[in-house]
Structure formats: structure tokens, C-alpha cells
C-alpha atoms as a PDB file:
ATOM      1  CA  MET A   1     202.841  54.653  58.132  1.00  0.00           C
ATOM      2  CA  LYS A   2     203.379  55.456  61.808  1.00  0.00           C
ATOM      3  CA  ILE A   3     206.625  57.281  62.581  1.00  0.00           C
ATOM      4  CA  LEU A   4     208.324  57.933  65.912  1.00  0.00           C
ATOM      5  CA  ALA A   5     210.701  60.891  65.598  1.00  0.00           C
ATOM      6  CA  ILE A   6     213.065  62.491  68.096  1.00  0.00           C
ATOM      7  CA  ASP A   7     215.395  65.486  68.218  1.00  0.00           C
ATOM      8  CA  SER A   8     218.063  65.974  70.884  1.00  0.00           C
ATOM      9  CA  THR A   9     220.673  67.878  68.884  1.00  0.00           C
ATOM     10  CA  ALA A  10     220.605  71.062  71.002  1.00  0.00           C
ATOM     11  CA  VAL A  11     219.306  72.311  74.360  1.00  0.00           C
ATOM     12  CA  ALA A  12     215.703  71.762  73.241  1.00  0.00           C
ATOM     13  CA  ALA A  13     214.544  68.162  72.919  1.00  0.00           C
ATOM     14  CA  SER A  14     211.344  66.636  71.582  1.00  0.00           C
ATOM     15  CA  ALA A  15     209.598  63.436  70.591  1.00  0.00           C
ATOM     16  CA  ALA A  16     206.719  63.119  68.123  1.00  0.00           C
ATOM     17  CA  VAL A  17     204.441  60.497  66.651  1.00  0.00           C
ATOM     18  CA  MET A  18     203.348  60.980  63.034  1.00  0.00           C
ATOM     19  CA  GLU A  19     201.012  59.140  60.704  1.00  0.00           C
ATOM     20  CA  ASP A  20     202.615  59.670  57.312  1.00  0.00           C
ATOM     21  CA  ASP A  21     203.270  63.438  57.359  1.00  0.00           C
ATOM     22  CA  ARG A  22     200.468  64.248  59.831  1.00  0.00           C
ATOM     23  CA  LEU A  23     201.361  65.074  63.434  1.00  0.00           C
ATOM     24  CA  LEU A  24     199.496  62.982  66.018  1.00  0.00           C
ATOM     25  CA  GLY A  25     201.325  64.167  69.120  1.00  0.00           C
ATOM     26  CA  GLU A  26     204.515  65.862  70.253  1.00  0.00           C
ATOM     27  CA  PHE A  27     206.329  66.520  73.525  1.00  0.00           C
ATOM     28  CA  PHE A  28     208.825  69.407  73.635  1.00  0.00           C
ATOM     29  CA  ILE A  29     211.043  70.732  76.404  1.00  0.00           C
ATOM     30  CA  HIS A  30     213.581  73.558  76.380  1.00  0.00           C
ATOM     31  CA  THR A  31     215.514  73.250  79.615  1.00  0.00           C
ATOM     32  CA  LYS A  32     219.062  72.368  80.588  1.00  0.00           C
ATOM     33  CA  GLN A  33     218.089  68.907  81.775  1.00  0.00           C
ATOM     34  CA  THR A  34     220.193  66.077  80.378  1.00  0.00           C
ATOM     35  CA  HIS A  35     218.678  64.446  77.305  1.00  0.00           C
ATOM     36  CA  SER A  36     219.720  61.022  78.555  1.00  0.00           C
ATOM     37  CA  GLN A  37     217.266  61.592  81.431  1.00  0.00           C
ATOM     38  CA  THR A  38     214.379  63.228  79.561  1.00  0.00           C
ATOM     39  CA  LEU A  39     214.266  61.798  76.041  1.00  0.00           C
ATOM     40  CA  MET A  40     212.979  58.273  76.680  1.00  0.00           C
ATOM     41  CA  PRO A  41     210.332  59.427  79.205  1.00  0.00           C
ATOM     42  CA  MET A  42     209.059  61.842  76.524  1.00  0.00           C
ATOM     43  CA  VAL A  43     208.954  58.997  74.003  1.00  0.00           C
ATOM     44  CA  GLN A  44     206.905  56.883  76.408  1.00  0.00           C
ATOM     45  CA  GLN A  45     204.550  59.762  77.204  1.00  0.00           C
ATOM     46  CA  VAL A  46     203.854  60.675  73.588  1.00  0.00           C
ATOM     47  CA  LEU A  47     203.157  57.008  72.785  1.00  0.00           C
ATOM     48  CA  ASP A  48     200.831  56.726  75.774  1.00  0.00           C
ATOM     49  CA  CYS A  49     198.981  59.950  74.940  1.00  0.00           C
ATOM     50  CA  THR A  50     198.471  58.997  71.283  1.00  0.00           C
ATOM     51  CA  GLY A  51     197.383  55.475  72.230  1.00  0.00           C
ATOM     52  CA  ILE A  52     200.060  53.870  70.069  1.00  0.00           C
ATOM     53  CA  SER A  53     202.353  51.083  71.247  1.00  0.00           C
ATOM     54  CA  ILE A  54     205.960  50.958  70.187  1.00  0.00           C
ATOM     55  CA  ASN A  55     205.423  47.773  68.189  1.00  0.00           C
ATOM     56  CA  GLU A  56     202.946  49.675  66.005  1.00  0.00           C
ATOM     57  CA  ILE A  57     205.661  52.076  64.883  1.00  0.00           C
ATOM     58  CA  ASP A  58     206.709  51.427  61.285  1.00  0.00           C
ATOM     59  CA  LEU A  59     209.641  53.835  61.073  1.00  0.00           C
ATOM     60  CA  PHE A  60     211.978  55.345  63.663  1.00  0.00           C
ATOM     61  CA  ALA A  61     213.610  58.702  62.904  1.00  0.00           C
ATOM     62  CA  ALA A  62     216.285  60.850  64.514  1.00  0.00           C
ATOM     63  CA  ALA A  63     217.893  64.184  63.815  1.00  0.00           C
ATOM     64  CA  ALA A  64     221.353  62.805  63.053  1.00  0.00           C
ATOM     65  CA  GLY A  65     223.218  66.111  63.042  1.00  0.00           C
ATOM     66  CA  PRO A  66     224.699  68.569  62.929  1.00  0.00           C
ATOM     67  CA  GLY A  67     224.420  69.676  66.528  1.00  0.00           C
ATOM     68  CA  SER A  68     225.795  69.037  69.981  1.00  0.00           C
ATOM     69  CA  PHE A  69     228.084  66.003  69.736  1.00  0.00           C
ATOM     70  CA  THR A  70     226.639  64.504  72.915  1.00  0.00           C
ATOM     71  CA  GLY A  71     223.041  65.333  71.969  1.00  0.00           C
ATOM     72  CA  VAL A  72     223.395  63.860  68.486  1.00  0.00           C
ATOM     73  CA  ARG A  73     224.879  60.639  69.879  1.00  0.00           C
ATOM     74  CA  ILE A  74     222.088  60.290  72.442  1.00  0.00           C
ATOM     75  CA  GLY A  75     219.343  60.709  69.836  1.00  0.00           C
ATOM     76  CA  VAL A  76     220.911  58.347  67.325  1.00  0.00           C
ATOM     77  CA  ALA A  77     221.607  55.733  70.009  1.00  0.00           C
ATOM     78  CA  CYS A  78     217.992  55.875  71.238  1.00  0.00           C
ATOM     79  CA  VAL A  79     216.578  55.389  67.747  1.00  0.00           C
ATOM     80  CA  LYS A  80     219.050  52.613  66.915  1.00  0.00           C
ATOM     81  CA  GLY A  81     218.093  50.777  70.095  1.00  0.00           C
ATOM     82  CA  MET A  82     214.348  51.048  69.542  1.00  0.00           C
ATOM     83  CA  ALA A  83     214.536  50.177  65.845  1.00  0.00           C
ATOM     84  CA  MET A  84     216.808  47.199  66.489  1.00  0.00           C
ATOM     85  CA  ALA A  85     214.571  45.848  69.248  1.00  0.00           C
ATOM     86  CA  GLN A  86     211.508  46.081  66.973  1.00  0.00           C
ATOM     87  CA  ASN A  87     213.382  44.986  63.837  1.00  0.00           C
ATOM     88  CA  LYS A  88     212.097  48.091  62.058  1.00  0.00           C
ATOM     89  CA  PRO A  89     213.814  50.509  59.646  1.00  0.00           C
ATOM     90  CA  CYS A  90     215.039  53.919  60.660  1.00  0.00           C
ATOM     91  CA  VAL A  91     216.056  57.207  59.080  1.00  0.00           C
ATOM     92  CA  GLY A  92     218.595  59.808  60.120  1.00  0.00           C
ATOM     93  CA  VAL A  93     217.765  63.277  58.810  1.00  0.00           C
ATOM     94  CA  SER A  94     219.613  66.567  58.748  1.00  0.00           C
ATOM     95  CA  THR A  95     218.740  68.685  61.769  1.00  0.00           C
ATOM     96  CA  LEU A  96     218.893  71.754  59.525  1.00  0.00           C
ATOM     97  CA  GLU A  97     216.577  70.257  56.916  1.00  0.00           C
ATOM     98  CA  ALA A  98     214.080  69.252  59.612  1.00  0.00           C
ATOM     99  CA  MET A  99     213.905  72.878  60.792  1.00  0.00           C
ATOM    100  CA  ALA A 100     212.810  74.035  57.331  1.00  0.00           C
ATOM    101  CA  TYR A 101     209.478  72.315  58.020  1.00  0.00           C
ATOM    102  CA  ASN A 102     208.819  74.717  60.910  1.00  0.00           C
ATOM    103  CA  LEU A 103     207.619  77.364  58.460  1.00  0.00           C
ATOM    104  CA  SER A 104     205.065  77.549  55.678  1.00  0.00           C
ATOM    105  CA  CYS A 105     205.681  80.818  53.843  1.00  0.00           C
ATOM    106  CA  PRO A 106     205.921  80.154  50.085  1.00  0.00           C
ATOM    107  CA  GLY A 107     208.623  82.232  48.434  1.00  0.00           C
ATOM    108  CA  ALA A 108     210.569  82.870  51.641  1.00  0.00           C
ATOM    109  CA  VAL A 109     214.137  81.778  52.263  1.00  0.00           C
ATOM    110  CA  VAL A 110     214.674  79.797  55.454  1.00  0.00           C
ATOM    111  CA  CYS A 111     218.114  80.183  57.013  1.00  0.00           C
ATOM    112  CA  ALA A 112     218.516  77.282  59.458  1.00  0.00           C
ATOM    113  CA  VAL A 113     221.297  78.007  61.945  1.00  0.00           C
ATOM    114  CA  MET A 114     222.727  76.254  64.982  1.00  0.00           C
ATOM    115  CA  ASP A 115     225.358  77.774  67.241  1.00  0.00           C
ATOM    116  CA  ALA A 116     228.671  76.036  66.430  1.00  0.00           C
ATOM    117  CA  ARG A 117     230.726  78.306  68.744  1.00  0.00           C
ATOM    118  CA  ARG A 118     233.891  80.144  67.685  1.00  0.00           C
ATOM    119  CA  GLU A 119     231.770  82.726  65.785  1.00  0.00           C
ATOM    120  CA  GLN A 120     230.475  80.021  63.455  1.00  0.00           C
ATOM    121  CA  VAL A 121     227.105  78.409  62.875  1.00  0.00           C
ATOM    122  CA  TYR A 122     225.994  75.157  61.317  1.00  0.00           C
ATOM    123  CA  ASN A 123     223.816  76.269  58.432  1.00  0.00           C
ATOM    124  CA  ALA A 124     221.778  75.353  55.378  1.00  0.00           C
ATOM    125  CA  LEU A 125     219.519  77.554  53.259  1.00  0.00           C
ATOM    126  CA  PHE A 126     216.146  76.536  51.842  1.00  0.00           C
ATOM    127  CA  GLN A 127     213.664  78.215  49.480  1.00  0.00           C
ATOM    128  CA  LEU A 128     210.051  77.504  50.369  1.00  0.00           C
ATOM    129  CA  THR A 129     207.573  76.810  47.567  1.00  0.00           C
ATOM    130  CA  LYS A 130     203.913  75.832  47.486  1.00  0.00           C
ATOM    131  CA  ASP A 131     205.036  72.226  46.916  1.00  0.00           C
ATOM    132  CA  GLY A 132     207.562  72.092  49.743  1.00  0.00           C
ATOM    133  CA  PHE A 133     211.062  73.481  49.732  1.00  0.00           C
ATOM    134  CA  GLN A 134     214.205  73.500  47.656  1.00  0.00           C
ATOM    135  CA  ARG A 135     217.605  73.068  49.284  1.00  0.00           C
ATOM    136  CA  LEU A 136     219.889  75.923  48.259  1.00  0.00           C
ATOM    137  CA  THR A 137     223.081  74.879  50.068  1.00  0.00           C
ATOM    138  CA  PRO A 138     224.521  71.755  51.675  1.00  0.00           C
ATOM    139  CA  ASP A 139     224.844  71.541  55.443  1.00  0.00           C
ATOM    140  CA  ARG A 140     228.038  73.361  56.403  1.00  0.00           C
ATOM    141  CA  ALA A 141     229.884  75.221  59.150  1.00  0.00           C
ATOM    142  CA  ILE A 142     230.224  78.887  58.218  1.00  0.00           C
ATOM    143  CA  SER A 143     231.082  82.158  59.919  1.00  0.00           C
ATOM    144  CA  ILE A 144     228.138  84.412  60.759  1.00  0.00           C
ATOM    145  CA  GLU A 145     229.725  87.238  58.792  1.00  0.00           C
ATOM    146  CA  ASP A 146     230.117  85.112  55.645  1.00  0.00           C
ATOM    147  CA  LEU A 147     226.569  83.794  55.979  1.00  0.00           C
ATOM    148  CA  ALA A 148     225.097  87.301  56.192  1.00  0.00           C
ATOM    149  CA  GLN A 149     227.085  88.285  53.120  1.00  0.00           C
ATOM    150  CA  GLU A 150     225.746  85.271  51.214  1.00  0.00           C
ATOM    151  CA  CYS A 151     222.164  86.017  52.200  1.00  0.00           C
ATOM    152  CA  LYS A 152     222.414  89.430  50.516  1.00  0.00           C
ATOM    153  CA  ASN A 153     221.968  87.573  47.218  1.00  0.00           C
ATOM    154  CA  PHE A 154     218.310  86.784  47.997  1.00  0.00           C
ATOM    155  CA  ASN A 155     215.436  89.166  47.341  1.00  0.00           C
ATOM    156  CA  SER A 156     212.862  87.109  49.254  1.00  0.00           C
ATOM    157  CA  SER A 157     211.867  87.401  52.906  1.00  0.00           C
ATOM    158  CA  LEU A 158     214.541  85.801  55.079  1.00  0.00           C
ATOM    159  CA  PHE A 159     213.537  83.778  58.150  1.00  0.00           C
ATOM    160  CA  LEU A 160     216.031  82.596  60.754  1.00  0.00           C
ATOM    161  CA  VAL A 161     215.273  79.337  62.587  1.00  0.00           C
ATOM    162  CA  GLY A 162     217.237  77.233  65.041  1.00  0.00           C
ATOM    163  CA  ASP A 163     219.077  77.745  68.306  1.00  0.00           C
ATOM    164  CA  GLY A 164     221.485  80.086  66.485  1.00  0.00           C
ATOM    165  CA  ALA A 165     218.711  82.274  65.065  1.00  0.00           C
ATOM    166  CA  LYS A 166     218.798  84.959  67.746  1.00  0.00           C
ATOM    167  CA  LEU A 167     222.604  84.955  67.681  1.00  0.00           C
ATOM    168  CA  CYS A 168     222.527  85.826  63.957  1.00  0.00           C
ATOM    169  CA  TYR A 169     219.520  88.135  64.236  1.00  0.00           C
ATOM    170  CA  ASN A 170     221.352  90.416  66.673  1.00  0.00           C
ATOM    171  CA  THR A 171     224.328  90.993  64.366  1.00  0.00           C
ATOM    172  CA  ASN A 172     224.630  94.059  62.144  1.00  0.00           C
ATOM    173  CA  GLY A 173     224.793  91.922  59.012  1.00  0.00           C
ATOM    174  CA  PHE A 174     221.397  90.312  59.549  1.00  0.00           C
ATOM    175  CA  GLN A 175     219.841  93.522  60.870  1.00  0.00           C
ATOM    176  CA  GLU A 176     220.741  95.146  57.559  1.00  0.00           C
ATOM    177  CA  LEU A 177     218.954  92.288  55.774  1.00  0.00           C
ATOM    178  CA  SER A 178     215.764  92.817  57.862  1.00  0.00           C
ATOM    179  CA  ALA A 179     215.866  89.135  58.762  1.00  0.00           C
ATOM    180  CA  LEU A 180     212.782  87.786  60.540  1.00  0.00           C
ATOM    181  CA  LEU A 181     212.362  85.546  63.572  1.00  0.00           C
ATOM    182  CA  PRO A 182     209.299  83.241  63.588  1.00  0.00           C
ATOM    183  CA  PRO A 183     207.164  82.812  66.725  1.00  0.00           C
ATOM    184  CA  GLU A 184     208.791  80.842  69.530  1.00  0.00           C
ATOM    185  CA  PRO A 185     207.042  77.488  68.758  1.00  0.00           C
ATOM    186  CA  SER A 186     208.519  77.573  65.243  1.00  0.00           C
ATOM    187  CA  LEU A 187     211.949  78.854  66.200  1.00  0.00           C
ATOM    188  CA  TYR A 188     213.684  75.793  67.616  1.00  0.00           C
ATOM    189  CA  GLN A 189     214.426  72.254  66.474  1.00  0.00           C
ATOM    190  CA  ARG A 190     211.351  70.019  66.688  1.00  0.00           C
ATOM    191  CA  ALA A 191     210.686  66.308  66.299  1.00  0.00           C
ATOM    192  CA  PHE A 192     207.718  67.253  64.092  1.00  0.00           C
ATOM    193  CA  GLY A 193     210.142  68.444  61.397  1.00  0.00           C
ATOM    194  CA  VAL A 194     212.265  65.319  61.845  1.00  0.00           C
ATOM    195  CA  GLY A 195     209.184  63.181  61.206  1.00  0.00           C
ATOM    196  CA  LYS A 196     208.214  65.178  58.110  1.00  0.00           C
ATOM    197  CA  ALA A 197     211.736  64.905  56.678  1.00  0.00           C
ATOM    198  CA  ALA A 198     211.908  61.198  57.554  1.00  0.00           C
ATOM    199  CA  TYR A 199     208.620  60.465  55.794  1.00  0.00           C
ATOM    200  CA  ARG A 200     209.925  62.161  52.665  1.00  0.00           C
ATOM    201  CA  ALA A 201     213.222  60.265  52.911  1.00  0.00           C
ATOM    202  CA  CYS A 202     211.445  56.952  53.368  1.00  0.00           C
ATOM    203  CA  LEU A 203     209.358  57.502  50.234  1.00  0.00           C
ATOM    204  CA  GLN A 204     212.649  58.070  48.400  1.00  0.00           C
ATOM    205  CA  GLY A 205     214.001  54.731  49.615  1.00  0.00           C
ATOM    206  CA  GLN A 206     216.440  56.136  52.168  1.00  0.00           C
ATOM    207  CA  ALA A 207     215.350  54.100  55.214  1.00  0.00           C
ATOM    208  CA  VAL A 208     218.086  51.820  56.594  1.00  0.00           C
ATOM    209  CA  PRO A 209     218.453  49.018  59.157  1.00  0.00           C
ATOM    210  CA  ALA A 210     219.324  50.159  62.661  1.00  0.00           C
ATOM    211  CA  GLY A 211     222.942  49.061  62.327  1.00  0.00           C
ATOM    212  CA  GLU A 212     223.500  51.488  59.446  1.00  0.00           C
ATOM    213  CA  LEU A 213     222.222  54.615  61.198  1.00  0.00           C
ATOM    214  CA  LEU A 214     225.140  56.942  61.948  1.00  0.00           C
ATOM    215  CA  PRO A 215     225.538  60.463  63.398  1.00  0.00           C
ATOM    216  CA  VAL A 216     226.650  63.269  61.076  1.00  0.00           C
ATOM    217  CA  TYR A 217     229.301  65.696  62.287  1.00  0.00           C
ATOM    218  CA  LEU A 218     230.398  68.728  60.281  1.00  0.00           C
ATOM    219  CA  ARG A 219     233.410  69.289  62.523  1.00  0.00           C
ATOM    220  CA  LEU A 220     235.631  67.046  64.589  1.00  0.00           C
ATOM    221  CA  PRO A 221     234.740  66.884  68.310  1.00  0.00           C
ATOM    222  CA  GLN A 222     236.762  69.279  70.479  1.00  0.00           C
ATOM    223  CA  ALA A 223     238.848  66.470  71.987  1.00  0.00           C
ATOM    224  CA  GLU A 224     239.860  65.273  68.522  1.00  0.00           C
ATOM    225  CA  ARG A 225     240.614  68.827  67.370  1.00  0.00           C
ATOM    226  CA  GLU A 226     242.874  69.387  70.366  1.00  0.00           C
ATOM    227  CA  LEU A 227     244.636  66.048  69.821  1.00  0.00           C
ATOM    228  CA  LYS A 228     245.197  66.882  66.155  1.00  0.00           C
ATOM    229  CA  LYS A 229     246.627  70.294  67.110  1.00  0.00           C
ATOM    230  CA  ARG A 230     248.992  68.735  69.664  1.00  0.00           C
ATOM    231  CA  LEU A 231     250.237  66.192  67.127  1.00  0.00           C
ATOM    232  CA  GLU A 232     250.838  68.954  64.588  1.00  0.00           C
ATOM    233  CA  ASN A 233     252.775  70.989  67.169  1.00  0.00           C
ATOM    234  CA  GLN A 234     254.900  67.932  68.044  1.00  0.00           C
ATOM    235  CA  LYS A 235     255.812  67.478  64.372  1.00  0.00           C
ATOM    236  CA  GLU A 236     256.884  71.136  64.154  1.00  0.00           C
ATOM    237  CA  ASP A 237     259.094  70.710  67.231  1.00  0.00           C
END
């Protein structure tokens, strides 16, 4: 099974081609360029460099969230468009779950974190085993302080991954836990992990038609939050 996977949920963006769970090629950038300008050129380049045409792709995969609202929408829209044009199935995977595949340290706990602003992170915890990993928590938005307190319950090595990893690492709570940062290539969101998670999801029968692929938000967009607050204030008046 050939899989085309993309991640555009944060500042970093990437595109990868997989054969089953084996990486054939990946393009990764970590700049402030707009994903709407860079993502599709990366897709074309990774297809060209692996010698695979888009009509040979069997499954399209996207990191469907959490993450930047704009970035998530761009990635999901790109995958929906490609899958619909090729009449192929697609899979949306958790950005946090995909990051767990960055590491291979059996016994360790992986704390996947993305900066959610307002002193919160999007987070999920995973326990790595020799057979893969076990999800310990659902995806959620949580304060950094509460997350550090929760991580005190684990006796295993604790690795931080994601664009919120350094933010957590530099707090007193995680310093007290002797949390670890992986090398830079394994620190950020990668399409490789999206492809691995998508392959697993497909084997479990979770692939869907393009029209059913949806983004996943753990919080309302800022505009909706502000509108909700204004409506609540109007009711109080």
C-alpha cells in the first residue's frame, strides 16, 4: 500500500510517501512560509523524487488536528482534494498520536505537546513498548502546570515532542521531572508519523471517503470564542 501523508498543523510542514509503514521519501521545512504556498510543491517534489505518480497512491493521509486552525484546514483540504480527484480513501490522524512515532525507546513515556497559547498545550501521553505504543490519555487541552503534575505519576523516562516541547521543558515543573528533549529531527511534527499512524488506522478499517474527512479542533477558533463571550455579555446586560 502506497501512502501520501502530509502535516501542516504547526509552523513546520512536511510531506511523505510511505509503502505500508516504510518511509520512501519525505520533505520537511520549518520556516514561517505560508503552508498554502509550500505544501503542494513539497507533495509534488516528494512524488517526483520517489518516482511515484499520484495515481499510484492508495491512501491519502493528513494530520487532522489538533493544531493551528488555519494549518489544520489547509492540510485537510489538500488531502480531501487529492483523494477526491483520484477517488481514493483517506485517513485523518491525531497530530499528537503521529508524533509518538518520532521515537523508539521502549518503556519511555512520550509527552506530545503543541503550544495552544494562554499557558495551555494540546497534549496526549503515550507509553512506548516493543510492539508499538499504548495511548495513556485522550487528546486534550491542558495547562502546562497541570500536565507537569500529572507526569509525576510516571516512573519511566519522559520525552517531550512537538512544537510545545521546549516551552514545557523550560518550566520548573518539567525540569524537576528531568524531562528529555529528543534530537531536532525527532522533535517536531512529521509526515512520516502521520503515514505510520494512517497505515495502522487503515488496517483497523478507519479509512473514509474524501467527503467524510474532517478537521479536529479541541477548542473553538478565537473568532468563535470572542463571539460567544460577546453574546454572553449581552445576555448579562
